[in-house]
Amino acid sequence: MPKLPHPERVGAVLAEARRLLDMGPDGGFTADVTAGVDEVLGRLQSHGYDDPRAFVRDLALASKECAAAAEACSNLEVAYCLRRQRHEKNEDRLRSECLRIMQALPELFPEQRLQDATVTVWINPPRPGVVVTDVDKLADEFVQITRAPKKTRIAEAIRDGEVVEGAEMRNGAPSLTIRT
């Protein structure tokens, strides 16, 4: 695998190529593409790219590197999420155990309280709260209803020649596949 260029170098060359090709911030061209091609090629050569294909190759490889880093972050997120859930479960279990013991031994915890130099623990009286016993019996003003388009069904209807008000079929943006 070729050595990847330094990210700052790739960023600088890409910024210059965008400027020279009058590319908008979204990556789309805002002027005639051929107007500055020679200038772009010259600028790429001044940054060590004799062949623009090598530059595209380096960008593609850097993209794959970023994808691998993003996947690693995603894996860490999953691991940290599981770890957080485990700690939350342990917290709940330990709090429940404290409550159970304090309720079982009221003579050791006057006023349902423990206070020493490191911690203060007390039992709060119950507070009123809503408990929904049957969501289907609630009036509409007490429920939240979410509208979401059924895109698969809409696509089927349009393909079958049906006119669907508020929807139409369009081609998506072109995409790039990179394999290493």
N, C-alpha and C. Protein backbone atom coordinates (compact mmCIF):
# COMPACT_ATOMS: atom_id res chain seq x y z
N MET A 1 0.85 -1.18 0.00
CA MET A 1 0.00 0.00 0.00
C MET A 1 0.90 1.24 0.00
N PRO A 2 0.60 2.22 -0.86
CA PRO A 2 1.43 3.42 -0.90
C PRO A 2 1.30 4.21 0.39
N LYS A 3 2.36 4.95 0.70
CA LYS A 3 2.35 5.80 1.89
C LYS A 3 1.36 6.93 1.67
N LEU A 4 0.49 7.15 2.66
CA LEU A 4 -0.51 8.20 2.54
C LEU A 4 0.13 9.56 2.73
N PRO A 5 -0.32 10.56 1.96
CA PRO A 5 0.20 11.90 2.16
C PRO A 5 -0.27 12.46 3.50
N HIS A 6 0.43 13.42 4.02
CA HIS A 6 0.04 14.05 5.27
C HIS A 6 -1.32 14.72 5.08
N PRO A 7 -2.23 14.59 6.06
CA PRO A 7 -3.57 15.16 5.91
C PRO A 7 -3.56 16.66 5.60
N GLU A 8 -2.61 17.40 6.17
CA GLU A 8 -2.55 18.84 5.89
C GLU A 8 -2.21 19.09 4.42
N ARG A 9 -1.34 18.24 3.86
CA ARG A 9 -0.97 18.38 2.46
C ARG A 9 -2.17 18.10 1.57
N VAL A 10 -2.88 17.03 1.87
CA VAL A 10 -4.07 16.69 1.09
C VAL A 10 -5.09 17.82 1.21
N GLY A 11 -5.27 18.33 2.42
CA GLY A 11 -6.22 19.41 2.63
C GLY A 11 -5.84 20.66 1.87
N ALA A 12 -4.55 21.01 1.86
CA ALA A 12 -4.10 22.21 1.16
C ALA A 12 -4.29 22.07 -0.35
N VAL A 13 -3.92 20.92 -0.90
CA VAL A 13 -4.06 20.71 -2.34
C VAL A 13 -5.53 20.67 -2.73
N LEU A 14 -6.36 20.02 -1.92
CA LEU A 14 -7.78 19.97 -2.21
C LEU A 14 -8.40 21.37 -2.16
N ALA A 15 -8.03 22.16 -1.18
CA ALA A 15 -8.54 23.53 -1.08
C ALA A 15 -8.13 24.33 -2.30
N GLU A 16 -6.89 24.18 -2.73
CA GLU A 16 -6.41 24.91 -3.90
C GLU A 16 -7.13 24.43 -5.16
N ALA A 17 -7.32 23.12 -5.29
CA ALA A 17 -8.03 22.59 -6.46
C ALA A 17 -9.46 23.11 -6.49
N ARG A 18 -10.11 23.17 -5.34
CA ARG A 18 -11.46 23.71 -5.29
C ARG A 18 -11.49 25.16 -5.73
N ARG A 19 -10.51 25.94 -5.23
CA ARG A 19 -10.47 27.35 -5.59
C ARG A 19 -10.24 27.52 -7.08
N LEU A 20 -9.31 26.75 -7.61
CA LEU A 20 -8.98 26.89 -9.02
C LEU A 20 -10.10 26.42 -9.93
N LEU A 21 -10.84 25.43 -9.49
CA LEU A 21 -11.95 24.92 -10.30
C LEU A 21 -13.27 25.61 -9.96
N ASP A 22 -13.22 26.61 -9.11
CA ASP A 22 -14.42 27.34 -8.69
C ASP A 22 -15.48 26.38 -8.15
N MET A 23 -15.05 25.49 -7.29
CA MET A 23 -16.01 24.56 -6.70
C MET A 23 -16.65 25.22 -5.50
N GLY A 24 -17.95 24.99 -5.35
CA GLY A 24 -18.66 25.53 -4.21
C GLY A 24 -18.33 24.73 -2.96
N PRO A 25 -18.77 25.20 -1.79
CA PRO A 25 -18.48 24.51 -0.53
C PRO A 25 -19.06 23.11 -0.47
N ASP A 26 -20.11 22.86 -1.27
CA ASP A 26 -20.70 21.52 -1.28
C ASP A 26 -19.98 20.59 -2.25
N GLY A 27 -18.93 21.11 -2.93
CA GLY A 27 -18.17 20.29 -3.86
C GLY A 27 -18.63 20.42 -5.29
N GLY A 28 -19.74 21.13 -5.53
CA GLY A 28 -20.23 21.29 -6.89
C GLY A 28 -19.49 22.40 -7.62
N PHE A 29 -19.38 22.26 -8.94
CA PHE A 29 -18.69 23.28 -9.73
C PHE A 29 -19.61 24.47 -9.95
N THR A 30 -19.05 25.67 -9.80
CA THR A 30 -19.84 26.88 -10.01
C THR A 30 -19.43 27.61 -11.28
N ALA A 31 -18.43 27.10 -12.01
CA ALA A 31 -17.98 27.74 -13.24
C ALA A 31 -17.55 26.66 -14.22
N ASP A 32 -17.08 27.09 -15.39
CA ASP A 32 -16.61 26.16 -16.42
C ASP A 32 -15.44 25.34 -15.88
N VAL A 33 -15.58 24.02 -15.88
CA VAL A 33 -14.58 23.13 -15.30
C VAL A 33 -13.25 23.23 -16.03
N THR A 34 -13.27 23.42 -17.33
CA THR A 34 -12.02 23.39 -18.10
C THR A 34 -11.23 24.68 -17.97
N ALA A 35 -11.83 25.74 -17.39
CA ALA A 35 -11.18 27.04 -17.35
C ALA A 35 -9.83 27.00 -16.64
N GLY A 36 -9.70 26.24 -15.57
CA GLY A 36 -8.46 26.29 -14.81
C GLY A 36 -7.76 24.96 -14.70
N VAL A 37 -8.01 24.05 -15.61
CA VAL A 37 -7.45 22.70 -15.50
C VAL A 37 -5.93 22.74 -15.55
N ASP A 38 -5.37 23.49 -16.50
CA ASP A 38 -3.90 23.58 -16.59
C ASP A 38 -3.31 24.15 -15.31
N GLU A 39 -4.00 25.13 -14.77
CA GLU A 39 -3.51 25.74 -13.53
C GLU A 39 -3.58 24.74 -12.37
N VAL A 40 -4.67 23.97 -12.33
CA VAL A 40 -4.81 22.95 -11.28
C VAL A 40 -3.72 21.91 -11.42
N LEU A 41 -3.49 21.45 -12.65
CA LEU A 41 -2.43 20.45 -12.87
C LEU A 41 -1.08 21.00 -12.44
N GLY A 42 -0.83 22.26 -12.75
CA GLY A 42 0.43 22.89 -12.33
C GLY A 42 0.54 22.96 -10.83
N ARG A 43 -0.56 23.31 -10.17
CA ARG A 43 -0.55 23.41 -8.70
C ARG A 43 -0.33 22.03 -8.08
N LEU A 44 -0.98 21.01 -8.64
CA LEU A 44 -0.78 19.65 -8.13
C LEU A 44 0.67 19.23 -8.31
N GLN A 45 1.28 19.57 -9.46
CA GLN A 45 2.69 19.24 -9.68
C GLN A 45 3.58 19.95 -8.67
N SER A 46 3.24 21.20 -8.34
CA SER A 46 4.05 21.93 -7.36
C SER A 46 3.95 21.30 -5.98
N HIS A 47 2.90 20.51 -5.76
CA HIS A 47 2.75 19.80 -4.48
C HIS A 47 3.21 18.35 -4.59
N GLY A 48 3.90 18.03 -5.67
CA GLY A 48 4.48 16.70 -5.78
C GLY A 48 3.63 15.68 -6.52
N TYR A 49 2.56 16.09 -7.17
CA TYR A 49 1.71 15.18 -7.90
C TYR A 49 1.91 15.41 -9.40
N ASP A 50 2.74 14.57 -10.04
CA ASP A 50 2.96 14.68 -11.48
C ASP A 50 1.76 14.14 -12.25
N ASP A 51 1.03 13.26 -11.62
CA ASP A 51 -0.12 12.64 -12.26
C ASP A 51 -1.35 12.89 -11.38
N PRO A 52 -2.39 13.57 -11.89
CA PRO A 52 -3.58 13.82 -11.06
C PRO A 52 -4.24 12.54 -10.57
N ARG A 53 -4.00 11.43 -11.30
CA ARG A 53 -4.56 10.16 -10.85
C ARG A 53 -3.94 9.74 -9.52
N ALA A 54 -2.66 10.10 -9.32
CA ALA A 54 -2.01 9.79 -8.04
C ALA A 54 -2.67 10.57 -6.91
N PHE A 55 -3.06 11.80 -7.20
CA PHE A 55 -3.74 12.62 -6.20
C PHE A 55 -5.09 12.01 -5.84
N VAL A 56 -5.85 11.61 -6.86
CA VAL A 56 -7.15 10.97 -6.61
C VAL A 56 -6.95 9.67 -5.84
N ARG A 57 -5.91 8.90 -6.22
CA ARG A 57 -5.59 7.66 -5.50
C ARG A 57 -5.33 7.97 -4.03
N ASP A 58 -4.52 9.00 -3.75
CA ASP A 58 -4.20 9.35 -2.36
C ASP A 58 -5.45 9.79 -1.60
N LEU A 59 -6.30 10.56 -2.27
CA LEU A 59 -7.55 10.97 -1.63
C LEU A 59 -8.41 9.75 -1.30
N ALA A 60 -8.50 8.81 -2.25
CA ALA A 60 -9.30 7.60 -2.04
C ALA A 60 -8.73 6.77 -0.89
N LEU A 61 -7.41 6.64 -0.85
CA LEU A 61 -6.79 5.88 0.24
C LEU A 61 -6.99 6.58 1.59
N ALA A 62 -6.87 7.90 1.58
CA ALA A 62 -7.11 8.65 2.81
C ALA A 62 -8.57 8.50 3.24
N SER A 63 -9.48 8.45 2.26
CA SER A 63 -10.89 8.24 2.56
C SER A 63 -11.10 6.89 3.24
N LYS A 64 -10.46 5.85 2.70
CA LYS A 64 -10.57 4.51 3.31
C LYS A 64 -9.99 4.51 4.72
N GLU A 65 -8.88 5.24 4.92
CA GLU A 65 -8.27 5.36 6.24
C GLU A 65 -9.25 6.01 7.22
N CYS A 66 -9.93 7.07 6.75
CA CYS A 66 -10.93 7.74 7.59
C CYS A 66 -12.10 6.81 7.89
N ALA A 67 -12.51 6.02 6.90
CA ALA A 67 -13.60 5.07 7.12
C ALA A 67 -13.23 4.05 8.18
N ALA A 68 -11.98 3.56 8.14
CA ALA A 68 -11.51 2.60 9.14
C ALA A 68 -11.48 3.25 10.52
N ALA A 69 -11.03 4.51 10.59
CA ALA A 69 -11.00 5.21 11.87
C ALA A 69 -12.42 5.43 12.39
N ALA A 70 -13.35 5.76 11.50
CA ALA A 70 -14.74 5.95 11.91
C ALA A 70 -15.34 4.65 12.43
N GLU A 71 -15.02 3.54 11.77
CA GLU A 71 -15.51 2.24 12.23
C GLU A 71 -14.94 1.90 13.60
N ALA A 72 -13.65 2.20 13.79
CA ALA A 72 -13.03 1.95 15.10
C ALA A 72 -13.73 2.78 16.18
N CYS A 73 -14.04 4.04 15.85
CA CYS A 73 -14.77 4.89 16.80
C CYS A 73 -16.14 4.32 17.09
N SER A 74 -16.81 3.83 16.06
CA SER A 74 -18.13 3.23 16.24
C SER A 74 -18.04 2.02 17.17
N ASN A 75 -17.00 1.20 16.96
CA ASN A 75 -16.82 0.03 17.83
C ASN A 75 -16.57 0.46 19.27
N LEU A 76 -15.79 1.53 19.45
CA LEU A 76 -15.55 2.05 20.79
C LEU A 76 -16.84 2.59 21.41
N GLU A 77 -17.66 3.25 20.57
CA GLU A 77 -18.94 3.76 21.07
C GLU A 77 -19.79 2.61 21.61
N VAL A 78 -19.83 1.52 20.86
CA VAL A 78 -20.61 0.36 21.30
C VAL A 78 -20.06 -0.18 22.61
N ALA A 79 -18.73 -0.30 22.68
CA ALA A 79 -18.11 -0.82 23.90
C ALA A 79 -18.39 0.12 25.08
N TYR A 80 -18.25 1.43 24.86
CA TYR A 80 -18.50 2.37 25.94
C TYR A 80 -19.98 2.40 26.32
N CYS A 81 -20.86 2.23 25.35
CA CYS A 81 -22.29 2.19 25.65
C CYS A 81 -22.60 0.98 26.55
N LEU A 82 -22.05 -0.16 26.20
CA LEU A 82 -22.25 -1.36 27.02
C LEU A 82 -21.67 -1.16 28.42
N ARG A 83 -20.50 -0.53 28.47
CA ARG A 83 -19.86 -0.27 29.77
C ARG A 83 -20.72 0.69 30.60
N ARG A 84 -21.25 1.76 29.96
CA ARG A 84 -22.11 2.72 30.65
C ARG A 84 -23.35 2.01 31.18
N GLN A 85 -23.96 1.16 30.35
CA GLN A 85 -25.16 0.44 30.77
C GLN A 85 -24.86 -0.46 31.96
N ARG A 86 -23.69 -1.10 31.94
CA ARG A 86 -23.30 -1.98 33.05
C ARG A 86 -23.15 -1.16 34.34
N HIS A 87 -22.50 0.01 34.23
CA HIS A 87 -22.34 0.87 35.41
C HIS A 87 -23.68 1.40 35.91
N GLU A 88 -24.57 1.77 34.98
CA GLU A 88 -25.90 2.24 35.39
C GLU A 88 -26.68 1.14 36.09
N LYS A 89 -26.57 -0.08 35.56
CA LYS A 89 -27.27 -1.22 36.18
C LYS A 89 -26.72 -1.47 37.58
N ASN A 90 -25.39 -1.41 37.72
CA ASN A 90 -24.78 -1.60 39.04
C ASN A 90 -25.20 -0.49 39.99
N GLU A 91 -25.25 0.74 39.49
CA GLU A 91 -25.69 1.86 40.33
C GLU A 91 -27.10 1.60 40.85
N ASP A 92 -28.01 1.22 39.95
CA ASP A 92 -29.39 0.95 40.35
C ASP A 92 -29.46 -0.18 41.37
N ARG A 93 -28.69 -1.22 41.14
CA ARG A 93 -28.69 -2.36 42.05
C ARG A 93 -28.19 -1.96 43.44
N LEU A 94 -27.11 -1.17 43.49
CA LEU A 94 -26.55 -0.75 44.77
C LEU A 94 -27.47 0.23 45.49
N ARG A 95 -28.11 1.12 44.76
CA ARG A 95 -29.06 2.05 45.37
C ARG A 95 -30.26 1.27 45.95
N SER A 96 -30.74 0.29 45.19
CA SER A 96 -31.86 -0.53 45.67
C SER A 96 -31.49 -1.27 46.94
N GLU A 97 -30.27 -1.77 46.97
CA GLU A 97 -29.81 -2.50 48.16
C GLU A 97 -29.72 -1.58 49.37
N CYS A 98 -29.22 -0.35 49.17
CA CYS A 98 -29.17 0.63 50.26
C CYS A 98 -30.57 0.90 50.79
N LEU A 99 -31.51 1.15 49.88
CA LEU A 99 -32.89 1.44 50.26
C LEU A 99 -33.50 0.26 51.01
N ARG A 100 -33.29 -0.93 50.49
CA ARG A 100 -33.86 -2.14 51.13
C ARG A 100 -33.34 -2.30 52.55
N ILE A 101 -32.04 -2.12 52.74
CA ILE A 101 -31.44 -2.30 54.07
C ILE A 101 -31.93 -1.21 55.02
N MET A 102 -31.97 0.05 54.52
CA MET A 102 -32.42 1.15 55.39
C MET A 102 -33.88 0.98 55.80
N GLN A 103 -34.71 0.45 54.90
CA GLN A 103 -36.12 0.23 55.23
C GLN A 103 -36.28 -0.97 56.16
N ALA A 104 -35.40 -1.97 56.01
CA ALA A 104 -35.50 -3.18 56.83
C ALA A 104 -35.01 -2.93 58.26
N LEU A 105 -34.13 -1.96 58.44
CA LEU A 105 -33.55 -1.69 59.77
C LEU A 105 -33.78 -0.24 60.19
N PRO A 106 -35.03 0.16 60.39
CA PRO A 106 -35.32 1.57 60.70
C PRO A 106 -34.69 2.04 62.01
N GLU A 107 -34.46 1.13 62.95
CA GLU A 107 -33.87 1.52 64.23
C GLU A 107 -32.41 1.98 64.07
N LEU A 108 -31.71 1.51 63.01
CA LEU A 108 -30.33 1.94 62.77
C LEU A 108 -30.26 3.24 61.96
N PHE A 109 -31.39 3.64 61.38
CA PHE A 109 -31.40 4.83 60.52
C PHE A 109 -32.54 5.76 60.97
N PRO A 110 -32.31 6.46 62.08
CA PRO A 110 -33.36 7.35 62.56
C PRO A 110 -33.67 8.41 61.50
N GLU A 111 -34.92 8.74 61.39
CA GLU A 111 -35.41 9.69 60.39
C GLU A 111 -35.05 9.24 58.97
N GLN A 112 -34.90 7.94 58.79
CA GLN A 112 -34.58 7.34 57.49
C GLN A 112 -33.37 8.02 56.86
N ARG A 113 -32.31 8.15 57.66
CA ARG A 113 -31.15 8.93 57.24
C ARG A 113 -29.87 8.30 57.78
N LEU A 114 -28.81 8.37 56.97
CA LEU A 114 -27.46 8.01 57.40
C LEU A 114 -26.57 9.20 57.05
N GLN A 115 -25.84 9.67 58.07
CA GLN A 115 -24.95 10.78 57.81
C GLN A 115 -23.64 10.52 58.54
N ASP A 116 -22.55 10.55 57.76
CA ASP A 116 -21.23 10.47 58.38
C ASP A 116 -20.30 11.42 57.63
N ALA A 117 -19.00 11.29 57.85
CA ALA A 117 -18.05 12.24 57.27
C ALA A 117 -17.93 12.13 55.75
N THR A 118 -18.27 10.98 55.19
CA THR A 118 -18.06 10.80 53.75
C THR A 118 -19.33 10.83 52.91
N VAL A 119 -20.48 10.54 53.54
CA VAL A 119 -21.69 10.43 52.73
C VAL A 119 -22.92 10.73 53.59
N THR A 120 -23.93 11.25 52.93
CA THR A 120 -25.24 11.42 53.55
C THR A 120 -26.25 10.71 52.65
N VAL A 121 -27.05 9.84 53.25
CA VAL A 121 -28.04 9.07 52.50
C VAL A 121 -29.37 9.21 53.22
N TRP A 122 -30.43 9.48 52.49
CA TRP A 122 -31.75 9.54 53.10
C TRP A 122 -32.79 9.02 52.14
N ILE A 123 -33.90 8.58 52.72
CA ILE A 123 -35.00 8.05 51.93
C ILE A 123 -36.00 9.18 51.71
N ASN A 124 -36.31 9.45 50.47
CA ASN A 124 -37.29 10.47 50.13
C ASN A 124 -38.69 9.88 50.19
N PRO A 125 -39.66 10.67 50.62
CA PRO A 125 -41.04 10.17 50.61
C PRO A 125 -41.51 10.04 49.17
N PRO A 126 -42.44 9.14 48.92
CA PRO A 126 -42.93 8.96 47.54
C PRO A 126 -43.61 10.23 47.03
N ARG A 127 -43.44 10.48 45.72
CA ARG A 127 -44.07 11.64 45.07
C ARG A 127 -45.12 11.14 44.09
N PRO A 128 -46.16 11.95 43.89
CA PRO A 128 -47.19 11.53 42.93
C PRO A 128 -46.63 11.57 41.51
N GLY A 129 -47.05 10.65 40.68
CA GLY A 129 -46.64 10.58 39.29
C GLY A 129 -47.70 9.89 38.46
N VAL A 130 -47.67 10.10 37.19
CA VAL A 130 -48.66 9.53 36.28
C VAL A 130 -48.26 8.10 35.92
N VAL A 131 -49.20 7.20 35.97
CA VAL A 131 -49.02 5.83 35.52
C VAL A 131 -50.09 5.58 34.47
N VAL A 132 -49.69 5.31 33.24
CA VAL A 132 -50.64 5.04 32.17
C VAL A 132 -51.01 3.57 32.22
N THR A 133 -52.29 3.30 32.42
CA THR A 133 -52.74 1.91 32.54
C THR A 133 -53.22 1.34 31.21
N ASP A 134 -53.74 2.22 30.30
CA ASP A 134 -54.17 1.76 28.99
C ASP A 134 -54.04 2.92 28.01
N VAL A 135 -53.00 2.92 27.19
CA VAL A 135 -52.72 4.02 26.28
C VAL A 135 -53.82 4.18 25.23
N ASP A 136 -54.49 3.09 24.87
CA ASP A 136 -55.55 3.15 23.86
C ASP A 136 -56.78 3.93 24.33
N LYS A 137 -56.97 4.06 25.62
CA LYS A 137 -58.13 4.78 26.15
C LYS A 137 -57.86 6.28 26.32
N LEU A 138 -56.63 6.71 26.11
CA LEU A 138 -56.29 8.13 26.27
C LEU A 138 -56.84 8.94 25.09
N ALA A 139 -57.33 10.15 25.38
CA ALA A 139 -57.81 11.05 24.34
C ALA A 139 -56.62 11.52 23.51
N ASP A 140 -56.88 11.95 22.27
CA ASP A 140 -55.82 12.38 21.35
C ASP A 140 -54.96 13.49 21.92
N GLU A 141 -55.54 14.36 22.75
CA GLU A 141 -54.77 15.46 23.31
C GLU A 141 -53.69 14.98 24.28
N PHE A 142 -53.76 13.74 24.71
CA PHE A 142 -52.80 13.21 25.67
C PHE A 142 -51.79 12.24 25.07
N VAL A 143 -51.81 12.10 23.76
CA VAL A 143 -50.86 11.22 23.10
C VAL A 143 -50.14 11.97 21.99
N GLN A 144 -48.98 11.48 21.64
CA GLN A 144 -48.20 12.08 20.56
C GLN A 144 -48.28 11.15 19.35
N ILE A 145 -48.66 11.72 18.22
CA ILE A 145 -48.79 10.95 16.99
C ILE A 145 -47.76 11.48 16.01
N THR A 146 -46.95 10.61 15.45
CA THR A 146 -45.89 11.00 14.52
C THR A 146 -46.24 10.53 13.12
N ARG A 147 -46.13 11.45 12.15
CA ARG A 147 -46.33 11.10 10.75
C ARG A 147 -44.98 10.86 10.12
N ALA A 148 -44.84 9.73 9.47
CA ALA A 148 -43.59 9.41 8.78
C ALA A 148 -43.95 8.81 7.42
N PRO A 149 -43.30 9.30 6.35
CA PRO A 149 -43.63 8.76 5.03
C PRO A 149 -43.19 7.30 4.90
N LYS A 150 -44.01 6.52 4.22
CA LYS A 150 -43.67 5.13 3.91
C LYS A 150 -43.06 5.13 2.52
N LYS A 151 -41.75 5.37 2.44
CA LYS A 151 -41.08 5.57 1.15
C LYS A 151 -41.17 4.35 0.24
N THR A 152 -41.10 3.17 0.80
CA THR A 152 -41.20 1.96 -0.02
C THR A 152 -42.57 1.89 -0.69
N ARG A 153 -43.61 2.16 0.08
CA ARG A 153 -44.98 2.14 -0.46
C ARG A 153 -45.17 3.24 -1.50
N ILE A 154 -44.61 4.44 -1.24
CA ILE A 154 -44.71 5.55 -2.19
C ILE A 154 -44.03 5.18 -3.50
N ALA A 155 -42.83 4.60 -3.41
CA ALA A 155 -42.09 4.20 -4.62
C ALA A 155 -42.88 3.18 -5.42
N GLU A 156 -43.47 2.20 -4.75
CA GLU A 156 -44.28 1.19 -5.44
C GLU A 156 -45.45 1.85 -6.17
N ALA A 157 -46.13 2.78 -5.50
CA ALA A 157 -47.29 3.44 -6.09
C ALA A 157 -46.89 4.24 -7.33
N ILE A 158 -45.78 4.98 -7.24
CA ILE A 158 -45.33 5.78 -8.38
C ILE A 158 -44.92 4.88 -9.54
N ARG A 159 -44.21 3.79 -9.25
CA ARG A 159 -43.81 2.84 -10.30
C ARG A 159 -45.03 2.21 -10.97
N ASP A 160 -46.11 2.06 -10.20
CA ASP A 160 -47.34 1.48 -10.76
C ASP A 160 -48.17 2.52 -11.52
N GLY A 161 -47.63 3.76 -11.65
CA GLY A 161 -48.31 4.79 -12.42
C GLY A 161 -49.25 5.67 -11.62
N GLU A 162 -49.31 5.46 -10.33
CA GLU A 162 -50.18 6.26 -9.48
C GLU A 162 -49.54 7.63 -9.24
N VAL A 163 -50.35 8.68 -9.18
CA VAL A 163 -49.86 10.02 -8.86
C VAL A 163 -49.95 10.18 -7.34
N VAL A 164 -48.80 10.41 -6.73
CA VAL A 164 -48.75 10.58 -5.27
C VAL A 164 -48.47 12.05 -5.00
N GLU A 165 -49.47 12.74 -4.51
CA GLU A 165 -49.35 14.17 -4.21
C GLU A 165 -48.31 14.36 -3.09
N GLY A 166 -47.34 15.24 -3.34
CA GLY A 166 -46.32 15.53 -2.32
C GLY A 166 -45.09 14.65 -2.41
N ALA A 167 -45.00 13.81 -3.45
CA ALA A 167 -43.83 12.95 -3.60
C ALA A 167 -43.55 12.74 -5.08
N GLU A 168 -42.31 12.50 -5.40
CA GLU A 168 -41.91 12.20 -6.77
C GLU A 168 -40.65 11.35 -6.73
N MET A 169 -40.38 10.68 -7.85
CA MET A 169 -39.16 9.87 -7.96
C MET A 169 -38.06 10.75 -8.54
N ARG A 170 -36.87 10.66 -7.98
CA ARG A 170 -35.70 11.37 -8.49
C ARG A 170 -34.50 10.46 -8.36
N ASN A 171 -33.52 10.71 -9.22
CA ASN A 171 -32.25 10.00 -9.07
C ASN A 171 -31.49 10.62 -7.90
N GLY A 172 -30.85 9.78 -7.14
CA GLY A 172 -30.02 10.28 -6.05
C GLY A 172 -28.72 10.84 -6.59
N ALA A 173 -27.90 11.34 -5.70
CA ALA A 173 -26.61 11.89 -6.08
C ALA A 173 -25.67 10.74 -6.47
N PRO A 174 -24.73 11.01 -7.37
CA PRO A 174 -23.76 9.96 -7.70
C PRO A 174 -22.95 9.59 -6.46
N SER A 175 -22.53 8.37 -6.41
CA SER A 175 -21.74 7.92 -5.26
C SER A 175 -20.43 7.33 -5.76
N LEU A 176 -19.51 7.18 -4.86
CA LEU A 176 -18.17 6.70 -5.19
C LEU A 176 -17.93 5.42 -4.41
N THR A 177 -17.41 4.40 -5.09
CA THR A 177 -17.03 3.16 -4.44
C THR A 177 -15.51 3.09 -4.44
N ILE A 178 -14.94 2.75 -3.28
CA ILE A 178 -13.48 2.63 -3.16
C ILE A 178 -13.18 1.26 -2.57
N ARG A 179 -12.40 0.50 -3.28
CA ARG A 179 -11.97 -0.82 -2.80
C ARG A 179 -10.46 -0.83 -2.69
N THR A 180 -9.96 -1.40 -1.64
CA THR A 180 -8.50 -1.54 -1.50
C THR A 180 -8.13 -2.97 -1.33
